[in-house]
Protein backbone atom coordinates (compact mmCIF):
# COMPACT_ATOMS: atom_id res chain seq x y z
CA MET A 1 -35.23 38.70 -19.20
CA THR A 2 -36.05 39.18 -22.50
CA ASP A 3 -39.76 39.38 -22.68
CA VAL A 4 -41.19 41.96 -20.26
CA GLU A 5 -45.22 42.32 -19.65
CA ILE A 6 -45.59 46.34 -20.58
CA PRO A 7 -48.95 48.13 -19.40
CA LYS A 8 -50.73 50.83 -21.82
CA GLN A 9 -50.87 53.21 -19.13
CA CYS A 10 -48.65 54.06 -15.89
CA LYS A 11 -48.72 56.31 -12.72
CA ALA A 12 -47.33 59.75 -13.02
CA GLY A 13 -47.11 62.79 -11.00
CA VAL A 14 -48.83 65.28 -13.31
CA VAL A 15 -48.51 69.24 -12.76
CA VAL A 16 -51.67 70.74 -12.47
CA ASN A 17 -52.52 74.73 -12.64
CA GLU A 18 -48.80 75.22 -13.82
CA GLY A 19 -47.13 78.48 -11.79
CA PRO A 20 -46.81 80.01 -8.44
CA ASP A 21 -50.29 77.87 -6.88
CA PHE A 22 -49.30 74.44 -8.83
CA LYS A 23 -50.14 71.42 -7.66
CA VAL A 24 -49.41 67.79 -8.44
CA GLU A 25 -51.83 65.01 -8.69
CA VAL A 26 -51.08 61.64 -9.61
CA GLN A 27 -52.59 60.32 -12.72
CA MET A 28 -52.92 57.38 -15.17
CA VAL A 29 -50.99 58.66 -18.23
CA ASP A 30 -49.99 56.40 -21.16
CA VAL A 31 -47.15 54.34 -21.44
CA PRO A 32 -44.61 55.99 -24.13
CA GLU A 33 -43.07 53.96 -27.28
CA PRO A 34 -39.29 54.16 -27.07
CA GLY A 35 -37.37 55.51 -30.54
CA PRO A 36 -34.85 53.42 -32.49
CA ASN A 37 -31.99 55.31 -30.36
CA ASP A 38 -33.95 55.17 -26.98
CA VAL A 39 -35.02 52.75 -24.13
CA LEU A 40 -37.75 52.18 -22.15
CA LEU A 41 -37.63 52.53 -18.43
CA LYS A 42 -39.58 50.85 -16.09
CA LEU A 43 -38.94 53.65 -13.06
CA ASN A 44 -38.95 51.93 -9.64
CA CYS A 45 -37.86 55.50 -7.69
CA THR A 46 -37.63 59.09 -8.59
CA GLY A 47 -36.19 61.75 -6.02
CA LEU A 48 -37.68 65.24 -5.39
CA CYS A 49 -35.85 68.02 -5.95
CA MET A 50 -36.19 71.66 -5.18
CA SER A 51 -35.55 72.45 -8.94
CA ASP A 52 -38.71 70.19 -9.85
CA VAL A 53 -40.49 72.97 -7.53
CA HIS A 54 -39.04 75.82 -9.83
CA PHE A 55 -40.20 73.84 -13.05
CA MET A 56 -43.74 73.75 -12.14
CA MET A 57 -43.63 77.04 -10.42
CA ASN A 58 -41.69 78.81 -14.06
CA ASP A 59 -40.11 80.91 -11.56
CA TRP A 60 -36.69 81.12 -13.11
CA ALA A 61 -35.78 82.40 -17.14
CA VAL A 62 -36.62 79.59 -18.77
CA PRO A 63 -40.03 78.71 -20.76
CA PRO A 64 -42.76 77.03 -18.82
CA MET A 65 -43.16 73.21 -18.85
CA SER A 66 -46.60 73.11 -21.05
CA THR A 67 -44.23 74.97 -23.88
CA PHE A 68 -42.86 71.57 -25.06
CA GLY A 69 -46.11 69.81 -23.85
CA THR A 70 -44.02 68.02 -20.37
CA LYS A 71 -46.80 67.50 -18.02
CA CYS A 72 -44.61 65.65 -15.62
CA ALA A 73 -41.49 67.09 -13.85
CA GLY A 74 -38.60 65.24 -12.05
CA HIS A 75 -35.28 64.25 -13.04
CA GLU A 76 -33.52 61.53 -10.44
CA GLY A 77 -35.04 58.44 -12.01
CA ALA A 78 -33.46 54.77 -11.11
CA GLY A 79 -35.03 51.94 -12.66
CA VAL A 80 -34.63 48.93 -15.32
CA VAL A 81 -34.74 48.60 -18.82
CA VAL A 82 -37.99 47.02 -20.08
CA LYS A 83 -37.58 47.43 -24.16
CA VAL A 84 -34.66 48.95 -26.37
CA GLY A 85 -35.41 50.42 -29.75
CA ALA A 86 -34.19 48.76 -33.03
CA ASN A 87 -30.80 50.97 -33.16
CA VAL A 88 -29.75 50.13 -29.52
CA GLN A 89 -26.69 48.41 -28.80
CA GLY A 90 -25.16 47.75 -25.33
CA TRP A 91 -28.42 47.39 -23.53
CA SER A 92 -30.71 44.83 -22.96
CA VAL A 93 -34.07 44.03 -21.17
CA GLY A 94 -33.44 43.65 -17.53
CA ASP A 95 -30.75 46.33 -17.50
CA ARG A 96 -30.67 48.94 -14.66
CA GLY A 97 -30.38 52.29 -15.65
CA GLY A 98 -30.72 55.88 -14.46
CA VAL A 99 -32.32 59.32 -15.69
CA LYS A 100 -30.82 62.89 -15.02
CA PRO A 101 -31.33 66.46 -15.11
CA LEU A 102 -29.94 66.28 -19.10
CA TRP A 103 -32.27 64.11 -21.26
CA ASP A 104 -29.94 63.89 -23.98
CA VAL A 105 -27.19 65.99 -25.50
CA CYS A 106 -25.74 66.89 -29.06
CA HIS A 107 -22.58 64.81 -28.35
CA ASN A 108 -21.58 66.76 -31.40
CA CYS A 109 -19.77 70.23 -29.77
CA GLU A 110 -16.79 71.34 -28.14
CA GLN A 111 -17.94 70.87 -24.46
CA CYS A 112 -19.53 67.82 -25.15
CA TYR A 113 -16.29 66.49 -26.83
CA THR A 114 -14.34 67.39 -23.51
CA GLY A 115 -16.45 65.86 -21.08
CA ARG A 116 -18.34 69.45 -20.31
CA GLU A 117 -21.68 68.34 -21.81
CA ASN A 118 -23.49 69.37 -18.64
CA TYR A 119 -22.60 73.01 -20.55
CA CYS A 120 -23.74 71.81 -24.02
CA GLN A 121 -26.26 74.48 -25.52
CA LYS A 122 -28.24 71.52 -27.14
CA GLY A 123 -28.96 69.86 -24.02
CA VAL A 124 -32.57 68.57 -23.45
CA TYR A 125 -33.22 69.21 -19.74
CA THR A 126 -34.95 66.35 -18.10
CA GLY A 127 -38.92 67.62 -16.60
CA LEU A 128 -38.82 70.39 -18.63
CA VAL A 129 -38.37 69.68 -22.02
CA ALA A 130 -38.66 65.67 -21.95
CA THR A 131 -41.11 64.12 -19.96
CA GLY A 132 -39.73 63.75 -16.40
CA THR A 133 -39.06 60.69 -13.97
CA TYR A 134 -42.62 61.64 -11.67
CA GLN A 135 -43.76 59.36 -14.41
CA GLN A 136 -42.94 55.48 -13.92
CA TYR A 137 -42.45 54.48 -17.84
CA ILE A 138 -40.42 56.86 -19.77
CA THR A 139 -37.71 56.68 -22.59
CA SER A 140 -34.39 57.81 -22.37
CA PRO A 141 -31.72 58.08 -25.35
CA ALA A 142 -29.76 54.84 -24.60
CA ILE A 143 -25.97 56.53 -25.46
CA TYR A 144 -26.97 59.03 -22.31
CA THR A 145 -28.53 56.69 -20.07
CA SER A 146 -26.68 56.12 -16.91
CA ARG A 147 -26.04 52.74 -15.91
CA ILE A 148 -26.31 51.28 -12.22
CA PRO A 149 -24.18 49.20 -10.12
CA GLU A 150 -25.24 46.41 -8.26
CA GLY A 151 -25.21 46.85 -4.76
CA VAL A 152 -26.59 50.56 -5.41
CA PRO A 153 -30.59 50.15 -4.34
CA ASP A 154 -32.92 52.32 -6.85
CA GLU A 155 -33.71 54.28 -3.43
CA VAL A 156 -30.12 55.40 -3.30
CA ALA A 157 -29.43 55.85 -6.96
CA GLY A 158 -31.78 57.81 -7.96
CA PRO A 159 -30.86 60.71 -5.61
CA ILE A 160 -27.33 60.40 -7.07
CA MET A 161 -28.46 60.89 -10.49
CA CYS A 162 -28.31 64.88 -9.48
CA SER A 163 -27.67 65.94 -6.01
CA ALA A 164 -24.70 63.67 -5.79
CA SER A 165 -23.00 63.97 -9.16
CA THR A 166 -23.90 67.65 -9.25
CA MET A 167 -21.80 68.04 -5.77
CA HIS A 168 -19.35 65.90 -7.35
CA ARG A 169 -18.70 68.14 -10.21
CA ALA A 170 -18.92 71.45 -7.97
CA LEU A 171 -16.28 69.88 -5.42
CA ILE A 172 -13.88 69.07 -8.88
CA GLU A 173 -14.30 72.36 -10.13
CA ALA A 174 -13.48 73.88 -6.98
CA ASP A 175 -10.01 72.35 -7.12
CA LEU A 176 -10.36 71.87 -3.29
CA ARG A 177 -7.94 69.27 -1.26
CA PRO A 178 -7.69 67.01 1.46
CA GLY A 179 -7.71 68.64 4.76
CA ASP A 180 -9.77 71.67 3.22
CA TRP A 181 -12.26 73.06 5.00
CA VAL A 182 -15.57 73.48 3.19
CA VAL A 183 -18.79 75.36 4.24
CA PHE A 184 -22.18 73.83 3.14
CA PRO A 185 -25.06 76.63 3.41
CA GLY A 186 -28.21 74.23 3.65
CA GLY A 187 -26.09 71.30 4.41
CA GLY A 188 -29.12 69.63 5.94
CA GLY A 189 -30.70 69.70 2.71
CA GLY A 190 -30.90 66.70 -0.25
CA VAL A 191 -28.05 68.44 -2.18
CA GLY A 192 -25.79 69.86 0.51
CA ILE A 193 -25.76 66.26 2.74
CA GLN A 194 -24.86 64.59 -0.47
CA GLY A 195 -21.95 66.93 -0.75
CA ILE A 196 -20.76 66.66 2.92
CA GLN A 197 -20.54 62.88 2.40
CA LEU A 198 -18.51 63.45 -0.82
CA ALA A 199 -16.16 66.17 0.71
CA LYS A 200 -15.44 63.53 3.88
CA ALA A 201 -14.57 60.85 1.22
CA MET A 202 -12.34 63.31 -0.67
CA GLY A 203 -10.68 64.10 2.71
CA MET A 204 -11.59 67.65 2.97
CA ARG A 205 -13.09 68.95 6.33
CA ALA A 206 -16.97 70.05 6.48
CA ILE A 207 -18.96 72.72 8.27
CA ALA A 208 -22.62 72.60 7.53
CA ILE A 209 -25.19 75.57 8.23
CA ASP A 210 -28.59 74.38 8.84
CA GLY A 211 -31.26 74.75 11.19
CA GLY A 212 -32.65 72.29 14.11
CA ASP A 213 -31.62 69.51 15.76
CA ALA A 214 -32.74 66.97 13.05
CA LYS A 215 -30.79 68.58 10.41
CA ARG A 216 -27.62 68.83 13.05
CA ASP A 217 -27.71 65.26 13.48
CA LEU A 218 -28.31 64.40 9.73
CA CYS A 219 -25.20 66.30 9.04
CA LYS A 220 -22.99 65.13 11.43
CA ARG A 221 -23.99 61.50 10.99
CA MET A 222 -23.10 61.94 7.40
CA GLY A 223 -19.77 63.14 8.06
CA ALA A 224 -19.92 66.92 8.92
CA GLU A 225 -17.10 67.82 10.99
CA GLU A 226 -18.71 71.11 12.87
CA PHE A 227 -22.57 72.24 12.52
CA VAL A 228 -23.58 75.55 12.89
CA ASP A 229 -27.06 76.46 13.55
CA PHE A 230 -28.45 79.65 11.85
CA THR A 231 -31.13 80.01 14.54
CA LYS A 232 -29.03 79.90 17.59
CA GLU A 233 -25.52 81.18 16.45
CA SER A 234 -25.81 85.42 16.57
CA ASP A 235 -22.93 85.61 14.33
CA VAL A 236 -22.27 82.69 11.84
CA PRO A 237 -19.54 84.08 9.57
CA ALA A 238 -17.66 84.80 12.64
CA LYS A 239 -18.29 81.02 14.00
CA ILE A 240 -17.28 79.72 10.60
CA LYS A 241 -13.85 81.67 11.09
CA GLU A 242 -13.04 80.79 14.16
CA ILE A 243 -14.07 76.96 13.19
CA ALA A 244 -11.86 77.09 10.08
CA ASP A 245 -8.41 77.76 11.66
CA GLY A 246 -9.52 81.31 12.93
CA ILE A 247 -8.92 82.19 9.23
CA GLY A 248 -12.02 81.05 7.52
CA ALA A 249 -13.19 78.63 4.78
CA HIS A 250 -11.35 77.45 1.89
CA GLY A 251 -14.60 77.05 -0.14
CA VAL A 252 -18.16 77.52 0.37
CA LEU A 253 -20.76 75.37 -2.10
CA VAL A 254 -23.94 77.43 -2.17
CA THR A 255 -26.86 75.11 -2.17
CA ALA A 256 -29.36 76.95 -0.83
CA TYR A 257 -29.94 80.40 -2.64
CA GLN A 258 -30.81 82.26 0.51
CA ALA A 259 -27.14 81.82 1.87
CA TYR A 260 -25.54 83.87 -1.11
CA ASN A 261 -25.69 87.39 0.95
CA ASP A 262 -23.45 85.87 3.35
CA SER A 263 -21.22 83.46 1.27
CA ILE A 264 -18.57 85.87 0.66
CA LYS A 265 -17.96 86.21 4.50
CA TYR A 266 -17.49 82.64 5.42
CA ILE A 267 -14.23 83.17 3.26
CA GLY A 268 -12.97 85.56 6.03
CA ASP A 269 -9.11 86.10 5.74
CA ARG A 270 -8.78 83.19 3.70
CA ILE A 271 -6.60 83.78 0.80
CA GLY A 272 -7.70 81.75 -2.89
CA GLY A 273 -11.03 80.99 -1.27
CA ARG A 274 -13.60 79.75 -3.65
CA ILE A 275 -17.49 80.29 -3.73
CA MET A 276 -19.24 77.91 -6.03
CA CYS A 277 -22.58 78.81 -7.33
CA ILE A 278 -25.30 75.58 -6.82
CA ALA A 279 -28.27 76.88 -6.12
CA LEU A 280 -30.28 78.74 -9.04
CA PRO A 281 -32.64 81.39 -7.55
CA PRO A 282 -35.63 82.91 -9.21
CA ALA A 283 -35.02 84.93 -11.95
CA GLY A 284 -33.99 88.37 -10.74
CA ALA A 285 -33.73 87.45 -7.05
CA ILE A 286 -30.09 87.68 -5.99
CA ASN A 287 -26.87 89.79 -6.77
CA LEU A 288 -23.77 88.24 -5.84
CA GLY A 289 -20.82 90.22 -5.36
CA THR A 290 -18.67 92.68 -3.17
CA ASP A 291 -15.56 95.62 -3.64
CA PRO A 292 -13.35 94.36 -6.58
CA ASN A 293 -10.36 95.30 -3.95
CA PHE A 294 -11.55 92.07 -2.05
CA PHE A 295 -11.25 89.64 -4.97
CA ALA A 296 -7.59 91.18 -5.82
CA PHE A 297 -6.27 91.01 -2.30
CA LYS A 298 -7.97 87.81 -1.49
CA ASN A 299 -7.33 85.80 -4.64
CA LEU A 300 -11.11 85.09 -4.50
CA LYS A 301 -12.69 83.19 -7.04
CA ILE A 302 -16.50 83.11 -7.77
CA ILE A 303 -17.23 79.80 -10.04
CA GLY A 304 -20.61 78.92 -11.09
CA THR A 305 -21.30 75.30 -11.42
CA LEU A 306 -23.99 73.58 -12.95
CA VAL A 307 -25.30 69.85 -13.15
CA GLY A 308 -22.73 66.57 -13.20
CA THR A 309 -21.55 65.13 -16.15
CA MET A 310 -22.03 61.21 -17.17
CA GLN A 311 -18.59 60.70 -15.43
CA ASP A 312 -19.37 62.72 -12.10
CA THR A 313 -22.73 60.23 -12.13
CA ALA A 314 -20.59 57.19 -12.88
CA ALA A 315 -17.72 58.40 -10.00
CA THR A 316 -20.76 58.96 -7.56
CA LEU A 317 -22.37 55.86 -8.27
CA ASP A 318 -19.10 54.22 -7.45
CA TYR A 319 -18.69 56.02 -4.12
CA ALA A 320 -22.52 54.52 -3.13
CA ARG A 321 -21.04 51.01 -4.34
CA ARG A 322 -18.37 51.27 -2.07
CA GLY A 323 -20.52 52.37 1.10
CA LEU A 324 -19.23 56.17 0.94
CA LEU A 325 -22.17 57.59 -0.03
CA LYS A 326 -25.32 56.49 2.04
CA SER A 327 -28.89 56.90 1.32
CA VAL A 328 -30.41 59.76 3.05
CA ALA A 329 -33.89 59.70 1.74
CA GLU A 330 -37.17 58.98 3.22
CA VAL A 331 -38.86 56.58 1.20
CA ARG A 332 -42.59 57.42 0.21
CA GLY A 333 -45.41 55.77 -1.64
CA MET A 334 -47.18 57.71 -4.31
CA SER A 335 -50.08 58.24 -2.33
CA GLN A 336 -47.82 60.48 -0.50
CA MET A 337 -46.06 62.36 -3.35
CA ALA A 338 -48.44 65.25 -3.72
CA GLU A 339 -48.02 66.60 -0.06
CA SER A 340 -44.03 65.85 -0.14
CA VAL A 341 -43.78 67.81 -3.20
CA GLN A 342 -45.00 70.97 -1.28
CA GLN A 343 -43.27 69.82 1.41
CA LEU A 344 -40.31 70.46 -0.39
CA ARG A 345 -41.80 73.76 -1.59
CA ARG A 346 -41.87 75.12 1.80
CA GLY A 347 -38.83 73.74 3.10
CA GLU A 348 -39.55 71.33 5.46
CA VAL A 349 -37.63 68.38 4.20
CA ALA A 350 -34.40 66.90 5.96
CA GLY A 351 -32.59 65.12 3.33
CA ARG A 352 -34.07 63.74 0.52
CA ILE A 353 -37.61 62.26 -0.51
CA VAL A 354 -37.63 59.12 -2.86
CA ILE A 355 -41.06 58.43 -4.19
CA ASP A 356 -41.29 54.67 -4.88
CA PHE A 357 -43.67 53.56 -7.89
CA ASN A 358 -44.03 50.32 -6.22
CA LYS A 359 -45.14 51.53 -2.99
CA ASP A 360 -48.64 52.89 -2.39
């Protein structure tokens, strides 16, 4: 592929009435022109992530999307390069590429030098500062575009850009070992279900907490050793302790912010337990902590973790290529995009929804 016909306009899920009563409308927008160091991607798929909803609601302590002139959320895109900028080397038309929560970083700070570019203070967030993956044609800095290997379909690769790479980073930073018990509150959600698969692939023993038979079946199918239904279990922390050797979990990866209030209880009597703070609640909604004596006597660690790095994305794509990270997505067409976003907002989605730009 050396010459691809690029349209003047493309499909996009545009946020309307930004704020608590936002909605998404499918509109036609102009196709952007890549800068000299960018590639132009034609996205085939975008995942829908709860972070998109927070950006569109503007309930985090960040400026609204409109501050940056951004109309499209989304940060889980997978597609193909259709044009390369004048200075770009190493990318060709026809190469497969993906866009992550960070659109670009400075590449010139302590965090970027040490492989922790997910904490770059000059990072540009996709779907907030830069046009997001709800738009079919978008530009992406060539240096920070992720390569998608053959054998990983776009509907699988899209969610890997955020949810899987984020969970991979959290599991690495938790310093957990094979055989450790890891609890996933909200395990049936799009992020948690990726974590369950990765934990199993790394030799850990996953316990999912969620509600309903559909999420039970999904979590068990994807590798959860145990499932605790919070709608049926009267004392969830006690059940977790019973399952985890009668002691408690080695790690808790919080992907649903409502679970922060009970997360410390899941550690039980375990020494050296870790709670990984992944879910980002609305500003000021949650405070996490307990008696400092508990921290001291239990050697408890509460660790914040952000999105994945380029390395995490490459690693999780390789898990998928090897068949160890499977699709948990329901693929829908553009006509279902608006309602799908609202279903996600209402907490009605098991696993992940992926929008296929080529499917109506």
